[in-house]
Amino acid sequence: MVTLDFVQREDDLLAFNKHWMRTSRSYRRQLLGFSILCAIIAVCVVVWKASPGDSVIFTIVIAAVAALVASLPAAPVLRAIQANAVRHLIRRESATMLGPVRIVLDGTGVREFTPRGSVSVPWHAIHRVDENATHVFIYLTPRSAFAVPRMGQERAVEKLVAHVPPHLRPAAA
């Protein structure tokens, strides 16, 4: 059994959302769809606004450049929008999302204890465990996870990762 106590902060929840945006296939598909939509709109606007005296090649080149420019900022813009929405949610719901947390891993699964209550999830229901340089994420579903910060408790977090069943361990572990 491994027990880890920490204080859940706004930075931990933001770290989870940033990690999810970088690693989620569904989010990448959304970005691709948004980029394609931007490119189509840019091409349509340029073709519609092209003057009749312009050559076809000039119109195509302008449309291609406009489509490329329109699709490039899609990922950073959507990430910024999502991060701002998460910050707003965290500030609005901070009394229920932040504060002291105890995570317990044992042979049956993962348990989280907070002042708001507790959650117990058996290993077979855990979606995956992932990590980066600052956090370990125990995914309960493809879109929600316990975010466990490493800062100040690196050894305890490594014990936690070592206790995770092999089929759920992060590739880096």
N, C-alpha and C. Protein backbone atom coordinates (compact mmCIF):
# COMPACT_ATOMS: atom_id res chain seq x y z
N MET A 1 0.85 -1.18 0.00
CA MET A 1 0.00 0.00 0.00
C MET A 1 0.89 1.24 0.00
N VAL A 2 0.51 2.24 -0.80
CA VAL A 2 1.23 3.50 -0.87
C VAL A 2 0.25 4.62 -0.55
N THR A 3 0.63 5.51 0.35
CA THR A 3 -0.20 6.65 0.71
C THR A 3 0.57 7.92 0.41
N LEU A 4 -0.12 8.88 -0.18
CA LEU A 4 0.51 10.15 -0.54
C LEU A 4 -0.43 11.28 -0.15
N ASP A 5 0.07 12.21 0.66
CA ASP A 5 -0.70 13.39 1.07
C ASP A 5 -0.13 14.62 0.39
N PHE A 6 -1.02 15.46 -0.14
CA PHE A 6 -0.59 16.71 -0.75
C PHE A 6 -1.76 17.68 -0.76
N VAL A 7 -1.48 18.91 -1.17
CA VAL A 7 -2.52 19.93 -1.30
C VAL A 7 -2.75 20.16 -2.79
N GLN A 8 -3.99 19.93 -3.23
CA GLN A 8 -4.36 20.15 -4.64
C GLN A 8 -4.44 21.65 -4.87
N ARG A 9 -3.66 22.15 -5.85
CA ARG A 9 -3.64 23.57 -6.16
C ARG A 9 -4.17 23.81 -7.56
N GLU A 10 -4.43 25.05 -7.87
CA GLU A 10 -4.90 25.43 -9.20
C GLU A 10 -3.91 24.98 -10.26
N ASP A 11 -2.62 25.10 -9.97
CA ASP A 11 -1.58 24.71 -10.93
C ASP A 11 -1.67 23.23 -11.29
N ASP A 12 -2.07 22.38 -10.33
CA ASP A 12 -2.19 20.95 -10.60
C ASP A 12 -3.31 20.67 -11.59
N LEU A 13 -4.43 21.36 -11.42
CA LEU A 13 -5.56 21.15 -12.34
C LEU A 13 -5.25 21.71 -13.72
N LEU A 14 -4.55 22.84 -13.77
CA LEU A 14 -4.13 23.38 -15.07
C LEU A 14 -3.13 22.44 -15.73
N ALA A 15 -2.22 21.85 -14.94
CA ALA A 15 -1.24 20.91 -15.49
C ALA A 15 -1.95 19.72 -16.11
N PHE A 16 -2.99 19.21 -15.44
CA PHE A 16 -3.74 18.09 -16.01
C PHE A 16 -4.36 18.48 -17.34
N ASN A 17 -5.00 19.63 -17.41
CA ASN A 17 -5.66 20.04 -18.65
C ASN A 17 -4.66 20.26 -19.77
N LYS A 18 -3.51 20.84 -19.46
CA LYS A 18 -2.48 21.01 -20.49
C LYS A 18 -1.96 19.65 -20.95
N HIS A 19 -1.76 18.74 -20.03
CA HIS A 19 -1.30 17.39 -20.38
C HIS A 19 -2.33 16.70 -21.26
N TRP A 20 -3.60 16.80 -20.88
CA TRP A 20 -4.67 16.19 -21.66
C TRP A 20 -4.69 16.76 -23.08
N MET A 21 -4.53 18.08 -23.20
CA MET A 21 -4.55 18.70 -24.53
C MET A 21 -3.38 18.21 -25.40
N ARG A 22 -2.23 17.93 -24.77
CA ARG A 22 -1.07 17.47 -25.53
C ARG A 22 -1.15 15.98 -25.89
N THR A 23 -1.86 15.18 -25.10
CA THR A 23 -1.82 13.74 -25.30
C THR A 23 -3.13 13.13 -25.81
N SER A 24 -4.21 13.89 -25.83
CA SER A 24 -5.51 13.34 -26.20
C SER A 24 -5.69 13.24 -27.71
N ARG A 25 -6.02 12.06 -28.18
CA ARG A 25 -6.31 11.88 -29.61
C ARG A 25 -7.57 12.63 -30.02
N SER A 26 -8.58 12.60 -29.17
CA SER A 26 -9.84 13.28 -29.52
C SER A 26 -9.61 14.79 -29.61
N TYR A 27 -8.78 15.34 -28.74
CA TYR A 27 -8.49 16.77 -28.82
C TYR A 27 -7.72 17.10 -30.10
N ARG A 28 -6.76 16.23 -30.46
CA ARG A 28 -6.02 16.47 -31.70
C ARG A 28 -6.95 16.41 -32.92
N ARG A 29 -7.93 15.49 -32.88
CA ARG A 29 -8.91 15.43 -33.97
C ARG A 29 -9.74 16.70 -34.03
N GLN A 30 -10.12 17.24 -32.87
CA GLN A 30 -10.85 18.50 -32.84
C GLN A 30 -10.02 19.62 -33.44
N LEU A 31 -8.73 19.67 -33.08
CA LEU A 31 -7.85 20.70 -33.64
C LEU A 31 -7.73 20.56 -35.15
N LEU A 32 -7.58 19.32 -35.62
CA LEU A 32 -7.49 19.10 -37.05
C LEU A 32 -8.77 19.55 -37.75
N GLY A 33 -9.91 19.19 -37.19
CA GLY A 33 -11.19 19.62 -37.77
C GLY A 33 -11.31 21.13 -37.80
N PHE A 34 -10.89 21.79 -36.71
CA PHE A 34 -10.94 23.24 -36.65
C PHE A 34 -10.01 23.86 -37.68
N SER A 35 -8.82 23.29 -37.83
CA SER A 35 -7.86 23.81 -38.82
C SER A 35 -8.39 23.65 -40.23
N ILE A 36 -8.98 22.50 -40.53
CA ILE A 36 -9.55 22.28 -41.86
C ILE A 36 -10.69 23.26 -42.13
N LEU A 37 -11.54 23.48 -41.14
CA LEU A 37 -12.64 24.43 -41.29
C LEU A 37 -12.11 25.83 -41.55
N CYS A 38 -11.07 26.24 -40.80
CA CYS A 38 -10.46 27.56 -41.04
C CYS A 38 -9.90 27.66 -42.45
N ALA A 39 -9.25 26.61 -42.90
CA ALA A 39 -8.67 26.62 -44.24
C ALA A 39 -9.76 26.71 -45.31
N ILE A 40 -10.84 25.96 -45.15
CA ILE A 40 -11.94 26.00 -46.13
C ILE A 40 -12.57 27.39 -46.17
N ILE A 41 -12.80 27.97 -45.00
CA ILE A 41 -13.39 29.31 -44.95
C ILE A 41 -12.46 30.32 -45.62
N ALA A 42 -11.16 30.22 -45.34
CA ALA A 42 -10.20 31.15 -45.95
C ALA A 42 -10.19 31.02 -47.47
N VAL A 43 -10.19 29.79 -47.96
CA VAL A 43 -10.20 29.58 -49.42
C VAL A 43 -11.48 30.15 -50.01
N CYS A 44 -12.61 29.89 -49.41
CA CYS A 44 -13.89 30.38 -49.92
C CYS A 44 -13.92 31.91 -49.96
N VAL A 45 -13.43 32.55 -48.91
CA VAL A 45 -13.43 34.02 -48.86
C VAL A 45 -12.53 34.58 -49.95
N VAL A 46 -11.34 34.02 -50.10
CA VAL A 46 -10.41 34.54 -51.11
C VAL A 46 -10.95 34.33 -52.52
N VAL A 47 -11.49 33.15 -52.78
CA VAL A 47 -12.04 32.88 -54.12
C VAL A 47 -13.23 33.79 -54.38
N TRP A 48 -14.07 33.99 -53.36
CA TRP A 48 -15.25 34.84 -53.54
C TRP A 48 -14.86 36.29 -53.77
N LYS A 49 -13.81 36.76 -53.07
CA LYS A 49 -13.39 38.16 -53.17
C LYS A 49 -12.40 38.42 -54.30
N ALA A 50 -11.90 37.39 -54.95
CA ALA A 50 -10.91 37.60 -56.03
C ALA A 50 -11.58 38.39 -57.16
N SER A 51 -10.87 39.37 -57.63
CA SER A 51 -11.45 40.19 -58.70
C SER A 51 -11.41 39.40 -60.01
N PRO A 52 -12.38 39.65 -60.90
CA PRO A 52 -12.45 38.89 -62.15
C PRO A 52 -11.21 39.05 -63.03
N GLY A 53 -10.47 40.15 -62.87
CA GLY A 53 -9.30 40.38 -63.70
C GLY A 53 -8.07 39.59 -63.26
N ASP A 54 -8.07 39.03 -62.07
CA ASP A 54 -6.93 38.28 -61.57
C ASP A 54 -6.81 36.94 -62.28
N SER A 55 -5.57 36.47 -62.42
CA SER A 55 -5.38 35.15 -63.04
C SER A 55 -5.80 34.06 -62.07
N VAL A 56 -6.09 32.89 -62.60
CA VAL A 56 -6.51 31.75 -61.80
C VAL A 56 -5.38 31.31 -60.87
N ILE A 57 -4.15 31.32 -61.39
CA ILE A 57 -3.01 30.88 -60.57
C ILE A 57 -2.80 31.85 -59.41
N PHE A 58 -2.92 33.15 -59.66
CA PHE A 58 -2.78 34.13 -58.60
C PHE A 58 -3.83 33.90 -57.52
N THR A 59 -5.06 33.66 -57.92
CA THR A 59 -6.15 33.41 -56.97
C THR A 59 -5.88 32.14 -56.15
N ILE A 60 -5.39 31.08 -56.79
CA ILE A 60 -5.11 29.83 -56.10
C ILE A 60 -3.97 30.03 -55.10
N VAL A 61 -2.91 30.74 -55.50
CA VAL A 61 -1.79 30.99 -54.59
C VAL A 61 -2.25 31.80 -53.38
N ILE A 62 -3.02 32.86 -53.61
CA ILE A 62 -3.53 33.67 -52.51
C ILE A 62 -4.42 32.83 -51.60
N ALA A 63 -5.27 31.99 -52.17
CA ALA A 63 -6.15 31.12 -51.37
C ALA A 63 -5.34 30.14 -50.54
N ALA A 64 -4.30 29.56 -51.12
CA ALA A 64 -3.47 28.60 -50.38
C ALA A 64 -2.74 29.28 -49.23
N VAL A 65 -2.18 30.45 -49.47
CA VAL A 65 -1.49 31.18 -48.42
C VAL A 65 -2.47 31.57 -47.30
N ALA A 66 -3.66 32.04 -47.70
CA ALA A 66 -4.67 32.41 -46.70
C ALA A 66 -5.10 31.19 -45.88
N ALA A 67 -5.26 30.05 -46.53
CA ALA A 67 -5.66 28.83 -45.81
C ALA A 67 -4.57 28.41 -44.83
N LEU A 68 -3.32 28.49 -45.26
CA LEU A 68 -2.22 28.12 -44.37
C LEU A 68 -2.16 29.05 -43.17
N VAL A 69 -2.26 30.33 -43.41
CA VAL A 69 -2.21 31.31 -42.32
C VAL A 69 -3.40 31.12 -41.39
N ALA A 70 -4.57 30.85 -41.94
CA ALA A 70 -5.77 30.68 -41.11
C ALA A 70 -5.70 29.43 -40.24
N SER A 71 -5.04 28.39 -40.72
CA SER A 71 -5.03 27.14 -39.96
C SER A 71 -3.90 27.06 -38.94
N LEU A 72 -2.84 27.82 -39.10
CA LEU A 72 -1.70 27.73 -38.18
C LEU A 72 -2.03 28.10 -36.73
N PRO A 73 -2.75 29.19 -36.49
CA PRO A 73 -2.96 29.55 -35.09
C PRO A 73 -4.06 28.76 -34.38
N ALA A 74 -4.65 27.79 -35.02
CA ALA A 74 -5.77 27.08 -34.41
C ALA A 74 -5.40 26.42 -33.09
N ALA A 75 -4.29 25.68 -33.04
CA ALA A 75 -3.93 24.97 -31.81
C ALA A 75 -3.64 25.91 -30.65
N PRO A 76 -2.78 26.91 -30.82
CA PRO A 76 -2.52 27.81 -29.68
C PRO A 76 -3.77 28.58 -29.24
N VAL A 77 -4.59 28.99 -30.20
CA VAL A 77 -5.80 29.73 -29.85
C VAL A 77 -6.75 28.84 -29.05
N LEU A 78 -6.98 27.61 -29.51
CA LEU A 78 -7.87 26.72 -28.78
C LEU A 78 -7.30 26.34 -27.43
N ARG A 79 -5.99 26.15 -27.34
CA ARG A 79 -5.38 25.84 -26.04
C ARG A 79 -5.56 27.01 -25.07
N ALA A 80 -5.37 28.23 -25.57
CA ALA A 80 -5.55 29.41 -24.70
C ALA A 80 -7.00 29.54 -24.24
N ILE A 81 -7.94 29.30 -25.14
CA ILE A 81 -9.36 29.36 -24.78
C ILE A 81 -9.66 28.31 -23.71
N GLN A 82 -9.18 27.10 -23.90
CA GLN A 82 -9.43 26.02 -22.93
C GLN A 82 -8.78 26.36 -21.59
N ALA A 83 -7.54 26.84 -21.60
CA ALA A 83 -6.86 27.16 -20.34
C ALA A 83 -7.61 28.26 -19.59
N ASN A 84 -8.11 29.27 -20.30
CA ASN A 84 -8.87 30.33 -19.65
C ASN A 84 -10.18 29.81 -19.08
N ALA A 85 -10.83 28.91 -19.80
CA ALA A 85 -12.07 28.32 -19.30
C ALA A 85 -11.80 27.50 -18.05
N VAL A 86 -10.70 26.75 -18.04
CA VAL A 86 -10.35 25.94 -16.87
C VAL A 86 -10.03 26.85 -15.68
N ARG A 87 -9.27 27.92 -15.91
CA ARG A 87 -8.96 28.86 -14.82
C ARG A 87 -10.25 29.44 -14.23
N HIS A 88 -11.18 29.82 -15.10
CA HIS A 88 -12.46 30.37 -14.63
C HIS A 88 -13.22 29.33 -13.80
N LEU A 89 -13.28 28.09 -14.28
CA LEU A 89 -13.96 27.03 -13.55
C LEU A 89 -13.31 26.79 -12.20
N ILE A 90 -11.98 26.75 -12.18
CA ILE A 90 -11.27 26.50 -10.93
C ILE A 90 -11.55 27.62 -9.93
N ARG A 91 -11.52 28.85 -10.39
CA ARG A 91 -11.79 29.98 -9.48
C ARG A 91 -13.23 29.93 -8.96
N ARG A 92 -14.17 29.57 -9.82
CA ARG A 92 -15.58 29.52 -9.42
C ARG A 92 -15.84 28.35 -8.48
N GLU A 93 -15.18 27.22 -8.73
CA GLU A 93 -15.42 26.01 -7.95
C GLU A 93 -14.29 25.69 -6.98
N SER A 94 -13.44 26.67 -6.67
CA SER A 94 -12.24 26.37 -5.91
C SER A 94 -12.52 25.74 -4.55
N ALA A 95 -13.64 26.07 -3.93
CA ALA A 95 -13.94 25.49 -2.62
C ALA A 95 -14.13 23.98 -2.71
N THR A 96 -14.53 23.47 -3.87
CA THR A 96 -14.78 22.03 -3.99
C THR A 96 -13.67 21.29 -4.72
N MET A 97 -12.77 21.99 -5.39
CA MET A 97 -11.76 21.31 -6.19
C MET A 97 -10.36 21.35 -5.59
N LEU A 98 -10.09 22.30 -4.73
CA LEU A 98 -8.75 22.50 -4.22
C LEU A 98 -8.68 22.17 -2.74
N GLY A 99 -7.48 21.90 -2.25
CA GLY A 99 -7.30 21.63 -0.83
C GLY A 99 -6.56 20.34 -0.57
N PRO A 100 -6.56 19.88 0.69
CA PRO A 100 -5.81 18.68 1.04
C PRO A 100 -6.38 17.42 0.39
N VAL A 101 -5.47 16.55 -0.04
CA VAL A 101 -5.84 15.30 -0.71
C VAL A 101 -4.95 14.18 -0.17
N ARG A 102 -5.54 13.02 0.00
CA ARG A 102 -4.77 11.81 0.32
C ARG A 102 -5.11 10.79 -0.76
N ILE A 103 -4.07 10.28 -1.42
CA ILE A 103 -4.23 9.22 -2.42
C ILE A 103 -3.66 7.94 -1.81
N VAL A 104 -4.43 6.87 -1.89
CA VAL A 104 -3.99 5.57 -1.38
C VAL A 104 -4.09 4.56 -2.51
N LEU A 105 -2.96 3.89 -2.81
CA LEU A 105 -2.95 2.81 -3.79
C LEU A 105 -2.72 1.52 -3.04
N ASP A 106 -3.54 0.53 -3.33
CA ASP A 106 -3.35 -0.79 -2.71
C ASP A 106 -3.69 -1.85 -3.74
N GLY A 107 -3.79 -3.07 -3.31
CA GLY A 107 -4.05 -4.18 -4.23
C GLY A 107 -5.40 -4.11 -4.92
N THR A 108 -6.35 -3.37 -4.35
CA THR A 108 -7.68 -3.30 -4.95
C THR A 108 -7.85 -2.14 -5.91
N GLY A 109 -7.09 -1.06 -5.74
CA GLY A 109 -7.24 0.09 -6.62
C GLY A 109 -6.72 1.37 -6.01
N VAL A 110 -7.37 2.47 -6.37
CA VAL A 110 -6.96 3.81 -5.96
C VAL A 110 -8.10 4.42 -5.15
N ARG A 111 -7.72 5.03 -4.04
CA ARG A 111 -8.70 5.75 -3.24
C ARG A 111 -8.21 7.18 -3.05
N GLU A 112 -9.13 8.14 -3.17
CA GLU A 112 -8.81 9.54 -2.95
C GLU A 112 -9.69 10.03 -1.81
N PHE A 113 -9.05 10.67 -0.82
CA PHE A 113 -9.77 11.23 0.31
C PHE A 113 -9.55 12.74 0.33
N THR A 114 -10.64 13.50 0.41
CA THR A 114 -10.58 14.96 0.49
C THR A 114 -11.60 15.40 1.54
N PRO A 115 -11.56 16.67 1.93
CA PRO A 115 -12.59 17.15 2.86
C PRO A 115 -14.01 17.04 2.27
N ARG A 116 -14.13 16.96 0.95
CA ARG A 116 -15.44 16.87 0.29
C ARG A 116 -15.99 15.46 0.28
N GLY A 117 -15.14 14.47 0.53
CA GLY A 117 -15.57 13.08 0.49
C GLY A 117 -14.46 12.19 -0.04
N SER A 118 -14.83 10.98 -0.43
CA SER A 118 -13.81 10.05 -0.93
C SER A 118 -14.32 9.35 -2.18
N VAL A 119 -13.35 8.89 -2.96
CA VAL A 119 -13.63 8.16 -4.19
C VAL A 119 -12.76 6.90 -4.15
N SER A 120 -13.35 5.77 -4.49
CA SER A 120 -12.61 4.52 -4.55
C SER A 120 -12.80 3.92 -5.94
N VAL A 121 -11.69 3.66 -6.63
CA VAL A 121 -11.75 3.15 -8.01
C VAL A 121 -10.90 1.89 -8.10
N PRO A 122 -11.52 0.75 -8.47
CA PRO A 122 -10.74 -0.49 -8.61
C PRO A 122 -9.79 -0.40 -9.82
N TRP A 123 -8.71 -1.17 -9.78
CA TRP A 123 -7.72 -1.12 -10.86
C TRP A 123 -8.33 -1.39 -12.22
N HIS A 124 -9.27 -2.30 -12.33
CA HIS A 124 -9.84 -2.62 -13.65
C HIS A 124 -10.61 -1.44 -14.25
N ALA A 125 -10.99 -0.46 -13.41
CA ALA A 125 -11.73 0.70 -13.91
C ALA A 125 -10.81 1.89 -14.23
N ILE A 126 -9.52 1.79 -13.88
CA ILE A 126 -8.58 2.87 -14.19
C ILE A 126 -8.28 2.83 -15.69
N HIS A 127 -8.40 3.99 -16.33
CA HIS A 127 -8.19 4.06 -17.78
C HIS A 127 -6.70 3.93 -18.13
N ARG A 128 -5.86 4.75 -17.47
CA ARG A 128 -4.41 4.68 -17.68
C ARG A 128 -3.72 5.54 -16.64
N VAL A 129 -2.41 5.41 -16.55
CA VAL A 129 -1.60 6.27 -15.70
C VAL A 129 -0.54 6.88 -16.60
N ASP A 130 -0.37 8.17 -16.50
CA ASP A 130 0.58 8.88 -17.35
C ASP A 130 1.35 9.85 -16.47
N GLU A 131 2.47 10.33 -16.96
CA GLU A 131 3.26 11.27 -16.17
C GLU A 131 4.02 12.23 -17.06
N ASN A 132 4.41 13.35 -16.46
CA ASN A 132 5.33 14.27 -17.10
C ASN A 132 6.33 14.70 -16.03
N ALA A 133 7.11 15.72 -16.28
CA ALA A 133 8.16 16.12 -15.34
C ALA A 133 7.61 16.64 -14.02
N THR A 134 6.38 17.14 -14.00
CA THR A 134 5.85 17.78 -12.79
C THR A 134 4.73 17.01 -12.10
N HIS A 135 4.08 16.07 -12.79
CA HIS A 135 2.91 15.40 -12.24
C HIS A 135 2.80 13.95 -12.70
N VAL A 136 2.02 13.17 -11.93
CA VAL A 136 1.55 11.85 -12.35
C VAL A 136 0.03 11.99 -12.46
N PHE A 137 -0.54 11.46 -13.54
CA PHE A 137 -1.98 11.55 -13.77
C PHE A 137 -2.58 10.16 -13.78
N ILE A 138 -3.50 9.91 -12.85
CA ILE A 138 -4.20 8.63 -12.79
C ILE A 138 -5.56 8.85 -13.43
N TYR A 139 -5.69 8.42 -14.69
CA TYR A 139 -6.90 8.67 -15.47
C TYR A 139 -8.02 7.71 -15.07
N LEU A 140 -9.13 8.30 -14.63
CA LEU A 140 -10.33 7.52 -14.31
C LEU A 140 -11.14 7.26 -15.57
N THR A 141 -11.10 8.21 -16.48
CA THR A 141 -11.76 8.12 -17.79
C THR A 141 -10.79 8.77 -18.78
N PRO A 142 -11.07 8.74 -20.08
CA PRO A 142 -10.17 9.41 -21.01
C PRO A 142 -10.06 10.92 -20.77
N ARG A 143 -11.01 11.53 -20.02
CA ARG A 143 -11.01 12.98 -19.84
C ARG A 143 -10.92 13.45 -18.39
N SER A 144 -10.76 12.54 -17.44
CA SER A 144 -10.63 12.98 -16.04
C SER A 144 -9.57 12.15 -15.34
N ALA A 145 -8.86 12.82 -14.42
CA ALA A 145 -7.75 12.13 -13.75
C ALA A 145 -7.48 12.76 -12.39
N PHE A 146 -6.85 11.97 -11.52
CA PHE A 146 -6.25 12.52 -10.32
C PHE A 146 -4.91 13.11 -10.76
N ALA A 147 -4.64 14.36 -10.43
CA ALA A 147 -3.37 15.00 -10.76
C ALA A 147 -2.52 15.03 -9.49
N VAL A 148 -1.43 14.27 -9.48
CA VAL A 148 -0.57 14.15 -8.30
C VAL A 148 0.73 14.91 -8.57
N PRO A 149 0.97 16.01 -7.84
CA PRO A 149 2.20 16.79 -8.09
C PRO A 149 3.43 16.07 -7.56
N ARG A 150 4.54 16.23 -8.28
CA ARG A 150 5.82 15.64 -7.86
C ARG A 150 6.58 16.55 -6.89
N MET A 151 6.38 17.85 -7.00
CA MET A 151 7.19 18.82 -6.28
C MET A 151 7.25 18.53 -4.77
N GLY A 152 8.47 18.35 -4.27
CA GLY A 152 8.68 18.14 -2.86
C GLY A 152 8.40 16.72 -2.37
N GLN A 153 7.96 15.84 -3.24
CA GLN A 153 7.65 14.47 -2.82
C GLN A 153 8.00 13.48 -3.92
N GLU A 154 9.12 13.71 -4.58
CA GLU A 154 9.52 12.90 -5.71
C GLU A 154 9.63 11.41 -5.38
N ARG A 155 10.24 11.09 -4.24
CA ARG A 155 10.40 9.67 -3.86
C ARG A 155 9.06 9.00 -3.62
N ALA A 156 8.17 9.69 -2.94
CA ALA A 156 6.84 9.13 -2.67
C ALA A 156 6.07 8.93 -3.97
N VAL A 157 6.22 9.86 -4.90
CA VAL A 157 5.52 9.73 -6.19
C VAL A 157 6.11 8.55 -6.98
N GLU A 158 7.43 8.36 -6.92
CA GLU A 158 8.03 7.22 -7.61
C GLU A 158 7.53 5.89 -7.02
N LYS A 159 7.36 5.84 -5.69
CA LYS A 159 6.79 4.64 -5.06
C LYS A 159 5.36 4.43 -5.55
N LEU A 160 4.63 5.53 -5.69
CA LEU A 160 3.25 5.45 -6.18
C LEU A 160 3.23 4.85 -7.58
N VAL A 161 4.09 5.35 -8.47
CA VAL A 161 4.14 4.85 -9.85
C VAL A 161 4.56 3.39 -9.87
N ALA A 162 5.51 3.01 -9.00
CA ALA A 162 5.96 1.62 -8.95
C ALA A 162 4.85 0.68 -8.48
N HIS A 163 3.89 1.20 -7.72
CA HIS A 163 2.79 0.38 -7.20
C HIS A 163 1.67 0.18 -8.23
N VAL A 164 1.70 0.95 -9.31
CA VAL A 164 0.68 0.83 -10.37
C VAL A 164 0.88 -0.48 -11.11
N PRO A 165 -0.21 -1.21 -11.40
CA PRO A 165 -0.07 -2.46 -12.17
C PRO A 165 0.67 -2.21 -13.49
N PRO A 166 1.49 -3.15 -13.93
CA PRO A 166 2.33 -2.94 -15.12
C PRO A 166 1.56 -2.51 -16.38
N HIS A 167 0.37 -3.04 -16.61
CA HIS A 167 -0.34 -2.69 -17.84
C HIS A 167 -0.86 -1.25 -17.84
N LEU A 168 -0.86 -0.58 -16.68
CA LEU A 168 -1.31 0.82 -16.61
C LEU A 168 -0.16 1.81 -16.49
N ARG A 169 1.06 1.31 -16.29
CA ARG A 169 2.19 2.20 -16.05
C ARG A 169 2.50 3.04 -17.28
N PRO A 170 3.00 4.28 -17.01
CA PRO A 170 3.41 5.13 -18.12
C PRO A 170 4.59 4.52 -18.85
N ALA A 171 4.71 4.83 -20.12
CA ALA A 171 5.81 4.30 -20.93
C ALA A 171 7.17 4.69 -20.38
N ALA A 172 7.27 5.88 -19.77
CA ALA A 172 8.55 6.38 -19.26
C ALA A 172 8.96 5.67 -17.98
N ALA A 173 8.01 5.03 -17.29
CA ALA A 173 8.33 4.42 -16.00
C ALA A 173 9.00 3.07 -16.16
